[in-house]
Amino acid sequence: MNLQELRTEIDNLDSELINILSKRFIATRKIGQLKHQQNLEAVDTDRLNSIVENWINQSNEKEVNPELSLQIINTIHRFVVSEHRELKS
């Protein structure tokens, strides 16, 4: 592969990442609505711990830096919680 082909591959992968993020946020918004209807807290610590552990394990299996993965999931979680808290306002 040449440089341009690799860059095109990266561009396609970036698009896939955005599509996955979109789908994930659609699902988390639905969860936020259910939590709001059921008067549940925005943060479920047990669930978060499980997700983080899963991300670390998968990162290690796929040879992705776990520190990077933690930064990504923590950023996603921060936005999700913010959206959930907005529903309560």
N, C-alpha and C. Protein backbone atom coordinates (compact mmCIF):
# COMPACT_ATOMS: atom_id res chain seq x y z
N MET A 1 0.85 -1.20 0.00
CA MET A 1 0.00 0.00 0.00
C MET A 1 0.88 1.25 0.00
N ASN A 2 0.38 2.25 -0.68
CA ASN A 2 1.11 3.51 -0.67
C ASN A 2 0.50 4.46 0.36
N LEU A 3 1.11 5.61 0.50
CA LEU A 3 0.70 6.58 1.51
C LEU A 3 -0.75 7.01 1.33
N GLN A 4 -1.15 7.30 0.11
CA GLN A 4 -2.52 7.76 -0.14
C GLN A 4 -3.54 6.68 0.19
N GLU A 5 -3.24 5.45 -0.17
CA GLU A 5 -4.15 4.35 0.14
C GLU A 5 -4.31 4.17 1.65
N LEU A 6 -3.22 4.30 2.37
CA LEU A 6 -3.28 4.19 3.84
C LEU A 6 -4.08 5.34 4.44
N ARG A 7 -3.90 6.52 3.89
CA ARG A 7 -4.67 7.67 4.39
C ARG A 7 -6.15 7.51 4.10
N THR A 8 -6.47 6.97 2.94
CA THR A 8 -7.87 6.70 2.61
C THR A 8 -8.45 5.67 3.57
N GLU A 9 -7.67 4.66 3.87
CA GLU A 9 -8.11 3.65 4.85
C GLU A 9 -8.38 4.29 6.21
N ILE A 10 -7.50 5.16 6.63
CA ILE A 10 -7.69 5.87 7.90
C ILE A 10 -8.95 6.74 7.86
N ASP A 11 -9.15 7.44 6.75
CA ASP A 11 -10.36 8.27 6.61
C ASP A 11 -11.62 7.41 6.73
N ASN A 12 -11.60 6.25 6.11
CA ASN A 12 -12.76 5.35 6.18
C ASN A 12 -12.97 4.84 7.60
N LEU A 13 -11.89 4.51 8.28
CA LEU A 13 -11.99 4.06 9.67
C LEU A 13 -12.51 5.18 10.57
N ASP A 14 -12.07 6.40 10.33
CA ASP A 14 -12.56 7.55 11.10
C ASP A 14 -14.07 7.71 10.91
N SER A 15 -14.53 7.53 9.69
CA SER A 15 -15.98 7.61 9.43
C SER A 15 -16.73 6.52 10.20
N GLU A 16 -16.15 5.32 10.23
CA GLU A 16 -16.77 4.23 10.99
C GLU A 16 -16.82 4.57 12.48
N LEU A 17 -15.75 5.17 13.00
CA LEU A 17 -15.74 5.57 14.41
C LEU A 17 -16.85 6.57 14.72
N ILE A 18 -17.04 7.53 13.85
CA ILE A 18 -18.10 8.52 14.05
C ILE A 18 -19.46 7.85 14.00
N ASN A 19 -19.66 6.93 13.06
CA ASN A 19 -20.93 6.21 12.98
C ASN A 19 -21.19 5.40 14.24
N ILE A 20 -20.17 4.74 14.75
CA ILE A 20 -20.31 3.97 15.99
C ILE A 20 -20.63 4.89 17.16
N LEU A 21 -19.94 6.02 17.24
CA LEU A 21 -20.23 6.98 18.32
C LEU A 21 -21.67 7.46 18.24
N SER A 22 -22.13 7.73 17.03
CA SER A 22 -23.51 8.16 16.85
C SER A 22 -24.48 7.11 17.38
N LYS A 23 -24.27 5.87 17.00
CA LYS A 23 -25.14 4.78 17.46
C LYS A 23 -25.07 4.64 18.98
N ARG A 24 -23.88 4.78 19.53
CA ARG A 24 -23.72 4.65 20.98
C ARG A 24 -24.48 5.76 21.70
N PHE A 25 -24.38 6.99 21.19
CA PHE A 25 -25.07 8.10 21.85
C PHE A 25 -26.59 8.00 21.68
N ILE A 26 -27.05 7.45 20.60
CA ILE A 26 -28.50 7.22 20.45
C ILE A 26 -28.96 6.27 21.55
N ALA A 27 -28.19 5.20 21.77
CA ALA A 27 -28.55 4.24 22.82
C ALA A 27 -28.46 4.86 24.21
N THR A 28 -27.42 5.65 24.46
CA THR A 28 -27.28 6.23 25.80
C THR A 28 -28.35 7.30 26.05
N ARG A 29 -28.80 7.98 25.00
CA ARG A 29 -29.89 8.94 25.19
C ARG A 29 -31.18 8.23 25.59
N LYS A 30 -31.41 7.07 25.01
CA LYS A 30 -32.58 6.27 25.39
C LYS A 30 -32.46 5.82 26.84
N ILE A 31 -31.26 5.43 27.24
CA ILE A 31 -31.03 5.05 28.63
C ILE A 31 -31.28 6.25 29.54
N GLY A 32 -30.81 7.41 29.13
CA GLY A 32 -31.02 8.62 29.92
C GLY A 32 -32.50 8.92 30.10
N GLN A 33 -33.28 8.74 29.06
CA GLN A 33 -34.72 8.97 29.16
C GLN A 33 -35.36 7.98 30.13
N LEU A 34 -34.94 6.71 30.05
CA LEU A 34 -35.48 5.71 30.98
C LEU A 34 -35.08 6.03 32.42
N LYS A 35 -33.83 6.41 32.62
CA LYS A 35 -33.38 6.78 33.96
C LYS A 35 -34.18 7.96 34.49
N HIS A 36 -34.44 8.93 33.62
CA HIS A 36 -35.22 10.10 34.02
C HIS A 36 -36.64 9.69 34.42
N GLN A 37 -37.26 8.85 33.60
CA GLN A 37 -38.62 8.39 33.88
C GLN A 37 -38.69 7.59 35.18
N GLN A 38 -37.64 6.84 35.48
CA GLN A 38 -37.62 5.99 36.66
C GLN A 38 -36.93 6.66 37.85
N ASN A 39 -36.58 7.94 37.67
CA ASN A 39 -35.94 8.73 38.72
C ASN A 39 -34.66 8.07 39.23
N LEU A 40 -33.85 7.57 38.31
CA LEU A 40 -32.57 6.96 38.65
C LEU A 40 -31.44 7.97 38.49
N GLU A 41 -30.36 7.71 39.18
CA GLU A 41 -29.19 8.57 39.09
C GLU A 41 -28.56 8.50 37.69
N ALA A 42 -27.89 9.58 37.30
CA ALA A 42 -27.25 9.63 36.00
C ALA A 42 -26.06 8.69 35.91
N VAL A 43 -25.40 8.45 37.05
CA VAL A 43 -24.21 7.61 37.06
C VAL A 43 -24.50 6.30 37.79
N ASP A 44 -24.17 5.20 37.12
CA ASP A 44 -24.23 3.87 37.72
C ASP A 44 -22.79 3.38 37.84
N THR A 45 -22.23 3.53 39.02
CA THR A 45 -20.81 3.24 39.23
C THR A 45 -20.45 1.80 38.90
N ASP A 46 -21.31 0.86 39.26
CA ASP A 46 -21.02 -0.54 38.94
C ASP A 46 -20.94 -0.75 37.44
N ARG A 47 -21.87 -0.15 36.71
CA ARG A 47 -21.88 -0.27 35.25
C ARG A 47 -20.63 0.38 34.66
N LEU A 48 -20.28 1.56 35.15
CA LEU A 48 -19.08 2.24 34.65
C LEU A 48 -17.84 1.40 34.90
N ASN A 49 -17.71 0.84 36.09
CA ASN A 49 -16.55 0.01 36.39
C ASN A 49 -16.47 -1.20 35.45
N SER A 50 -17.61 -1.79 35.15
CA SER A 50 -17.65 -2.92 34.25
C SER A 50 -17.22 -2.52 32.84
N ILE A 51 -17.70 -1.38 32.38
CA ILE A 51 -17.33 -0.88 31.05
C ILE A 51 -15.82 -0.61 30.98
N VAL A 52 -15.30 0.06 31.99
CA VAL A 52 -13.87 0.40 32.02
C VAL A 52 -13.03 -0.88 32.00
N GLU A 53 -13.41 -1.85 32.81
CA GLU A 53 -12.68 -3.11 32.84
C GLU A 53 -12.71 -3.79 31.46
N ASN A 54 -13.87 -3.76 30.83
CA ASN A 54 -14.01 -4.35 29.50
C ASN A 54 -13.12 -3.63 28.49
N TRP A 55 -13.12 -2.32 28.53
CA TRP A 55 -12.29 -1.55 27.61
C TRP A 55 -10.81 -1.86 27.81
N ILE A 56 -10.39 -1.97 29.07
CA ILE A 56 -8.98 -2.27 29.35
C ILE A 56 -8.63 -3.66 28.81
N ASN A 57 -9.49 -4.64 29.10
CA ASN A 57 -9.23 -6.00 28.64
C ASN A 57 -9.17 -6.07 27.12
N GLN A 58 -10.12 -5.45 26.45
CA GLN A 58 -10.13 -5.48 24.98
C GLN A 58 -8.93 -4.73 24.42
N SER A 59 -8.55 -3.63 25.07
CA SER A 59 -7.38 -2.87 24.60
C SER A 59 -6.13 -3.73 24.67
N ASN A 60 -5.97 -4.43 25.77
CA ASN A 60 -4.81 -5.30 25.91
C ASN A 60 -4.83 -6.42 24.88
N GLU A 61 -5.99 -6.99 24.63
CA GLU A 61 -6.11 -8.07 23.64
C GLU A 61 -5.79 -7.58 22.23
N LYS A 62 -6.19 -6.36 21.93
CA LYS A 62 -6.04 -5.81 20.57
C LYS A 62 -4.79 -4.95 20.42
N GLU A 63 -3.96 -4.94 21.46
CA GLU A 63 -2.72 -4.16 21.45
C GLU A 63 -2.95 -2.67 21.22
N VAL A 64 -3.98 -2.17 21.90
CA VAL A 64 -4.25 -0.73 21.92
C VAL A 64 -3.83 -0.23 23.30
N ASN A 65 -3.19 0.90 23.34
CA ASN A 65 -2.74 1.44 24.61
C ASN A 65 -3.93 1.63 25.55
N PRO A 66 -3.97 0.90 26.68
CA PRO A 66 -5.11 1.01 27.60
C PRO A 66 -5.30 2.41 28.16
N GLU A 67 -4.22 3.15 28.28
CA GLU A 67 -4.33 4.53 28.78
C GLU A 67 -5.14 5.38 27.80
N LEU A 68 -4.88 5.21 26.52
CA LEU A 68 -5.65 5.91 25.49
C LEU A 68 -7.11 5.49 25.56
N SER A 69 -7.36 4.20 25.67
CA SER A 69 -8.74 3.71 25.75
C SER A 69 -9.46 4.28 26.96
N LEU A 70 -8.77 4.37 28.08
CA LEU A 70 -9.39 4.95 29.29
C LEU A 70 -9.74 6.42 29.06
N GLN A 71 -8.87 7.15 28.41
CA GLN A 71 -9.17 8.55 28.12
C GLN A 71 -10.40 8.66 27.24
N ILE A 72 -10.50 7.79 26.26
CA ILE A 72 -11.64 7.83 25.34
C ILE A 72 -12.93 7.51 26.07
N ILE A 73 -12.96 6.39 26.82
CA ILE A 73 -14.20 6.01 27.49
C ILE A 73 -14.57 7.01 28.58
N ASN A 74 -13.60 7.57 29.25
CA ASN A 74 -13.91 8.59 30.26
C ASN A 74 -14.50 9.85 29.63
N THR A 75 -14.00 10.22 28.47
CA THR A 75 -14.55 11.37 27.75
C THR A 75 -15.98 11.08 27.30
N ILE A 76 -16.20 9.91 26.73
CA ILE A 76 -17.55 9.53 26.32
C ILE A 76 -18.48 9.54 27.52
N HIS A 77 -18.04 8.93 28.60
CA HIS A 77 -18.89 8.84 29.81
C HIS A 77 -19.23 10.23 30.34
N ARG A 78 -18.27 11.12 30.34
CA ARG A 78 -18.51 12.49 30.82
C ARG A 78 -19.62 13.16 30.00
N PHE A 79 -19.60 12.98 28.69
CA PHE A 79 -20.64 13.57 27.84
C PHE A 79 -21.99 12.91 28.07
N VAL A 80 -21.99 11.58 28.24
CA VAL A 80 -23.24 10.85 28.49
C VAL A 80 -23.88 11.33 29.79
N VAL A 81 -23.08 11.40 30.84
CA VAL A 81 -23.60 11.84 32.14
C VAL A 81 -24.13 13.27 32.05
N SER A 82 -23.43 14.11 31.33
CA SER A 82 -23.89 15.49 31.15
C SER A 82 -25.26 15.52 30.48
N GLU A 83 -25.44 14.71 29.45
CA GLU A 83 -26.75 14.64 28.76
C GLU A 83 -27.83 14.11 29.71
N HIS A 84 -27.49 13.10 30.49
CA HIS A 84 -28.46 12.54 31.42
C HIS A 84 -28.87 13.55 32.49
N ARG A 85 -27.90 14.31 32.96
CA ARG A 85 -28.21 15.32 33.98
C ARG A 85 -29.05 16.47 33.42
N GLU A 86 -28.86 16.77 32.15
CA GLU A 86 -29.67 17.81 31.51
C GLU A 86 -31.15 17.42 31.48
N LEU A 87 -31.43 16.13 31.37
CA LEU A 87 -32.81 15.67 31.37
C LEU A 87 -33.51 15.95 32.70
N LYS A 88 -32.73 15.97 33.76
CA LYS A 88 -33.30 16.20 35.10
C LYS A 88 -33.52 17.69 35.37
N SER A 89 -32.90 18.53 34.55
CA SER A 89 -33.02 19.98 34.77
C SER A 89 -34.37 20.51 34.34
